[in-house]
């Protein structure tokens, strides 16, 4: 078992997540600027949130990417204002995932949302719901945000 309280282990995990975020954005064909060198917020080895620079407005956040022990996903930063903050971004990810599950429950697709793999929506829904609920719990936990 890895010790994620060890700074070297944490850094290695964050570097791994950076690559995952970069590869994911490339696979999605998203036109963007720079990816933050370090997560805007993270709890290793569960979640990392990355600020992605806008391609049209350099030096400003255009996108957020989430990765870790949950689906890798991205959202527009315009969905997170105000404020431009990773805490708001994880709330938006969680809300979106819960909307996806609700659409699936009534037999509908959710526009522009795909999860790769062979799992069925019936298998994925409880997992996605659990991750969304955990994100909401973390967003509500003031102790996790004092340093951000």
C-alpha atoms as a PDB file:
ATOM      1  CA  UNK A   1       0.000   0.000   0.000  1.00  0.00           C
ATOM      2  CA  UNK A   2       1.334   3.397  -0.988  1.00  0.00           C
ATOM      3  CA  UNK A   3       1.730   6.151   1.582  1.00  0.00           C
ATOM      4  CA  UNK A   4       0.051   9.167  -0.012  1.00  0.00           C
ATOM      5  CA  UNK A   5       1.087  11.321   2.944  1.00  0.00           C
ATOM      6  CA  UNK A   6       4.638  10.903   1.671  1.00  0.00           C
ATOM      7  CA  UNK A   7       5.398  13.962  -0.513  1.00  0.00           C
ATOM      8  CA  UNK A   8       7.240  11.873  -3.123  1.00  0.00           C
ATOM      9  CA  UNK A   9       4.317   9.453  -3.472  1.00  0.00           C
ATOM     10  CA  UNK A  10       1.849  12.336  -3.649  1.00  0.00           C
ATOM     11  CA  UNK A  11       3.952  14.085  -6.304  1.00  0.00           C
ATOM     12  CA  UNK A  12       4.227  10.907  -8.397  1.00  0.00           C
ATOM     13  CA  UNK A  13       0.438  10.444  -8.220  1.00  0.00           C
ATOM     14  CA  UNK A  14      -0.193  14.065  -9.207  1.00  0.00           C
ATOM     15  CA  UNK A  15       2.240  13.744 -12.137  1.00  0.00           C
ATOM     16  CA  UNK A  16       0.368  10.612 -13.239  1.00  0.00           C
ATOM     17  CA  UNK A  17      -2.952  12.480 -13.034  1.00  0.00           C
ATOM     18  CA  UNK A  18      -1.488  15.355 -15.065  1.00  0.00           C
ATOM     19  CA  UNK A  19      -0.709  12.906 -17.868  1.00  0.00           C
ATOM     20  CA  UNK A  20      -4.206  11.416 -17.600  1.00  0.00           C
ATOM     21  CA  UNK A  21      -5.769  14.898 -17.838  1.00  0.00           C
ATOM     22  CA  UNK A  22      -3.573  15.814 -20.811  1.00  0.00           C
ATOM     23  CA  UNK A  23      -4.326  12.564 -22.666  1.00  0.00           C
ATOM     24  CA  UNK A  24      -8.040  12.887 -21.915  1.00  0.00           C
ATOM     25  CA  UNK A  25      -8.235  16.429 -23.289  1.00  0.00           C
ATOM     26  CA  UNK A  26      -6.399  15.301 -26.407  1.00  0.00           C
ATOM     27  CA  UNK A  27      -8.811  12.378 -26.852  1.00  0.00           C
ATOM     28  CA  UNK A  28     -11.744  14.810 -26.576  1.00  0.00           C
ATOM     29  CA  UNK A  29     -10.293  17.154 -29.206  1.00  0.00           C
ATOM     30  CA  UNK A  30     -10.638  20.120 -26.854  1.00  0.00           C
ATOM     31  CA  UNK A  31      -8.799  23.223 -28.025  1.00  0.00           C
ATOM     32  CA  UNK A  32      -7.176  24.614 -24.879  1.00  0.00           C
ATOM     33  CA  UNK A  33      -4.169  26.395 -23.478  1.00  0.00           C
ATOM     34  CA  UNK A  34      -1.835  25.188 -20.771  1.00  0.00           C
ATOM     35  CA  UNK A  35      -2.736  22.631 -18.119  1.00  0.00           C
ATOM     36  CA  UNK A  36      -1.805  23.605 -14.571  1.00  0.00           C
ATOM     37  CA  UNK A  37       1.479  22.054 -13.490  1.00  0.00           C
ATOM     38  CA  UNK A  38      -0.089  21.002 -10.184  1.00  0.00           C
ATOM     39  CA  UNK A  39      -3.739  20.212  -9.418  1.00  0.00           C
ATOM     40  CA  UNK A  40      -5.849  23.159  -8.351  1.00  0.00           C
ATOM     41  CA  UNK A  41      -7.101  20.781  -5.657  1.00  0.00           C
ATOM     42  CA  UNK A  42      -6.621  17.103  -4.890  1.00  0.00           C
ATOM     43  CA  UNK A  43      -6.918  14.301  -2.379  1.00  0.00           C
ATOM     44  CA  UNK A  44      -4.487  11.594  -3.454  1.00  0.00           C
ATOM     45  CA  UNK A  45      -5.247   8.919  -4.597  1.00  0.00           C
ATOM     46  CA  UNK A  46      -8.912   9.747  -5.058  1.00  0.00           C
ATOM     47  CA  UNK A  47      -9.416  12.991  -6.942  1.00  0.00           C
ATOM     48  CA  UNK A  48      -7.523  15.743  -8.698  1.00  0.00           C
ATOM     49  CA  UNK A  49      -8.998  18.872 -10.246  1.00  0.00           C
ATOM     50  CA  UNK A  50      -6.984  20.659 -12.925  1.00  0.00           C
ATOM     51  CA  UNK A  51      -7.318  24.239 -14.143  1.00  0.00           C
ATOM     52  CA  UNK A  52      -7.022  24.406 -17.919  1.00  0.00           C
ATOM     53  CA  UNK A  53      -6.122  27.673 -19.588  1.00  0.00           C
ATOM     54  CA  UNK A  54      -8.525  29.176 -22.075  1.00  0.00           C
ATOM     55  CA  UNK A  55      -7.214  29.153 -25.602  1.00  0.00           C
ATOM     56  CA  UNK A  56      -9.084  32.365 -26.420  1.00  0.00           C
ATOM     57  CA  UNK A  57      -8.300  34.223 -23.173  1.00  0.00           C
ATOM     58  CA  UNK A  58      -4.719  33.394 -22.151  1.00  0.00           C
ATOM     59  CA  UNK A  59      -3.964  33.462 -18.417  1.00  0.00           C
ATOM     60  CA  UNK A  60      -7.593  32.697 -17.534  1.00  0.00           C
ATOM     61  CA  UNK A  61      -9.242  29.375 -16.743  1.00  0.00           C
ATOM     62  CA  UNK A  62     -11.314  28.053 -19.621  1.00  0.00           C
ATOM     63  CA  UNK A  63     -11.918  24.497 -18.429  1.00  0.00           C
ATOM     64  CA  UNK A  64     -11.710  22.210 -15.430  1.00  0.00           C
ATOM     65  CA  UNK A  65     -10.697  18.542 -15.623  1.00  0.00           C
ATOM     66  CA  UNK A  66     -11.299  15.980 -12.905  1.00  0.00           C
ATOM     67  CA  UNK A  67      -9.438  12.667 -12.658  1.00  0.00           C
ATOM     68  CA  UNK A  68      -8.532  10.032 -10.112  1.00  0.00           C
ATOM     69  CA  UNK A  69     -10.583   7.128  -8.771  1.00  0.00           C
ATOM     70  CA  UNK A  70     -13.603   8.385 -10.673  1.00  0.00           C
ATOM     71  CA  UNK A  71     -14.455   9.136 -14.288  1.00  0.00           C
ATOM     72  CA  UNK A  72     -12.139  11.591 -15.985  1.00  0.00           C
ATOM     73  CA  UNK A  73     -14.308  14.449 -17.190  1.00  0.00           C
ATOM     74  CA  UNK A  74     -14.127  18.099 -18.156  1.00  0.00           C
ATOM     75  CA  UNK A  75     -16.426  21.094 -17.881  1.00  0.00           C
ATOM     76  CA  UNK A  76     -16.329  24.651 -19.097  1.00  0.00           C
ATOM     77  CA  UNK A  77     -15.161  27.141 -16.498  1.00  0.00           C
ATOM     78  CA  UNK A  78     -18.124  29.300 -17.495  1.00  0.00           C
ATOM     79  CA  UNK A  79     -20.311  26.697 -15.737  1.00  0.00           C
ATOM     80  CA  UNK A  80     -18.487  27.482 -12.485  1.00  0.00           C
ATOM     81  CA  UNK A  81     -18.876  31.233 -12.052  1.00  0.00           C
ATOM     82  CA  UNK A  82     -18.873  32.799  -9.759  1.00  0.00           C
ATOM     83  CA  UNK A  83     -16.342  31.928  -8.449  1.00  0.00           C
ATOM     84  CA  UNK A  84     -13.571  30.467 -10.587  1.00  0.00           C
ATOM     85  CA  UNK A  85     -12.602  27.936  -7.948  1.00  0.00           C
ATOM     86  CA  UNK A  86     -12.000  24.167  -7.869  1.00  0.00           C
ATOM     87  CA  UNK A  87     -14.577  23.820  -5.096  1.00  0.00           C
ATOM     88  CA  UNK A  88     -17.266  25.172  -7.411  1.00  0.00           C
ATOM     89  CA  UNK A  89     -15.966  22.904 -10.193  1.00  0.00           C
ATOM     90  CA  UNK A  90     -16.366  19.734  -8.134  1.00  0.00           C
ATOM     91  CA  UNK A  91     -19.917  20.772  -7.270  1.00  0.00           C
ATOM     92  CA  UNK A  92     -20.644  21.180 -10.988  1.00  0.00           C
ATOM     93  CA  UNK A  93     -19.101  17.786 -11.807  1.00  0.00           C
ATOM     94  CA  UNK A  94     -21.186  16.145  -9.069  1.00  0.00           C
ATOM     95  CA  UNK A  95     -24.392  17.857 -10.204  1.00  0.00           C
ATOM     96  CA  UNK A  96     -23.761  16.903 -13.799  1.00  0.00           C
ATOM     97  CA  UNK A  97     -23.158  13.263 -12.895  1.00  0.00           C
ATOM     98  CA  UNK A  98     -26.369  13.156 -10.883  1.00  0.00           C
ATOM     99  CA  UNK A  99     -28.223  14.638 -13.888  1.00  0.00           C
ATOM    100  CA  UNK A 100     -26.705  11.914 -16.074  1.00  0.00           C
ATOM    101  CA  UNK A 101     -27.960   9.225 -13.691  1.00  0.00           C
ATOM    102  CA  UNK A 102     -31.446  10.762 -13.643  1.00  0.00           C
ATOM    103  CA  UNK A 103     -31.526  10.795 -17.446  1.00  0.00           C
ATOM    104  CA  UNK A 104     -30.432   7.152 -17.550  1.00  0.00           C
ATOM    105  CA  UNK A 105     -33.168   6.180 -15.079  1.00  0.00           C
ATOM    106  CA  UNK A 106     -35.836   7.352 -17.522  1.00  0.00           C
ATOM    107  CA  UNK A 107     -34.116   5.777 -20.516  1.00  0.00           C
ATOM    108  CA  UNK A 108     -32.592   8.948 -21.929  1.00  0.00           C
ATOM    109  CA  UNK A 109     -29.081   9.774 -23.023  1.00  0.00           C
ATOM    110  CA  UNK A 110     -27.266  12.769 -21.613  1.00  0.00           C
ATOM    111  CA  UNK A 111     -25.880  14.986 -24.358  1.00  0.00           C
ATOM    112  CA  UNK A 112     -22.090  14.988 -24.741  1.00  0.00           C
ATOM    113  CA  UNK A 113     -21.509  12.463 -21.963  1.00  0.00           C
ATOM    114  CA  UNK A 114     -19.785   9.158 -22.629  1.00  0.00           C
ATOM    115  CA  UNK A 115     -17.998   6.763 -20.335  1.00  0.00           C
ATOM    116  CA  UNK A 116     -15.600   4.465 -22.115  1.00  0.00           C
ATOM    117  CA  UNK A 117     -15.648   0.754 -21.426  1.00  0.00           C
ATOM    118  CA  UNK A 118     -17.980  -2.193 -21.589  1.00  0.00           C
ATOM    119  CA  UNK A 119     -19.974  -1.554 -18.420  1.00  0.00           C
ATOM    120  CA  UNK A 120     -23.697  -0.989 -18.708  1.00  0.00           C
ATOM    121  CA  UNK A 121     -25.444   2.116 -17.414  1.00  0.00           C
ATOM    122  CA  UNK A 122     -27.051  -0.079 -14.743  1.00  0.00           C
ATOM    123  CA  UNK A 123     -23.584  -1.038 -13.523  1.00  0.00           C
ATOM    124  CA  UNK A 124     -22.174   2.480 -13.824  1.00  0.00           C
ATOM    125  CA  UNK A 125     -25.019   4.447 -12.230  1.00  0.00           C
ATOM    126  CA  UNK A 126     -24.381   3.373  -8.612  1.00  0.00           C
ATOM    127  CA  UNK A 127     -20.649   3.991  -8.970  1.00  0.00           C
ATOM    128  CA  UNK A 128     -21.170   7.391 -10.563  1.00  0.00           C
ATOM    129  CA  UNK A 129     -23.708   8.293  -7.894  1.00  0.00           C
ATOM    130  CA  UNK A 130     -21.316   7.294  -5.103  1.00  0.00           C
ATOM    131  CA  UNK A 131     -18.536   9.418  -6.591  1.00  0.00           C
ATOM    132  CA  UNK A 132     -20.894  12.381  -7.049  1.00  0.00           C
ATOM    133  CA  UNK A 133     -22.070  12.122  -3.438  1.00  0.00           C
ATOM    134  CA  UNK A 134     -18.466  11.964  -2.236  1.00  0.00           C
ATOM    135  CA  UNK A 135     -17.586  15.074  -4.252  1.00  0.00           C
ATOM    136  CA  UNK A 136     -20.511  16.914  -2.670  1.00  0.00           C
ATOM    137  CA  UNK A 137     -19.375  15.800   0.787  1.00  0.00           C
ATOM    138  CA  UNK A 138     -15.860  17.068   0.095  1.00  0.00           C
ATOM    139  CA  UNK A 139     -17.152  20.355  -1.302  1.00  0.00           C
ATOM    140  CA  UNK A 140     -19.146  20.847   1.905  1.00  0.00           C
ATOM    141  CA  UNK A 141     -16.173  20.074   4.170  1.00  0.00           C
ATOM    142  CA  UNK A 142     -14.655  23.443   5.136  1.00  0.00           C
ATOM    143  CA  UNK A 143     -11.509  21.774   6.503  1.00  0.00           C
ATOM    144  CA  UNK A 144     -10.534  20.637   2.998  1.00  0.00           C
ATOM    145  CA  UNK A 145     -10.557  24.150   1.573  1.00  0.00           C
ATOM    146  CA  UNK A 146      -8.671  26.312   4.041  1.00  0.00           C
ATOM    147  CA  UNK A 147      -5.423  26.119   2.046  1.00  0.00           C
ATOM    148  CA  UNK A 148      -6.994  26.703  -1.376  1.00  0.00           C
END
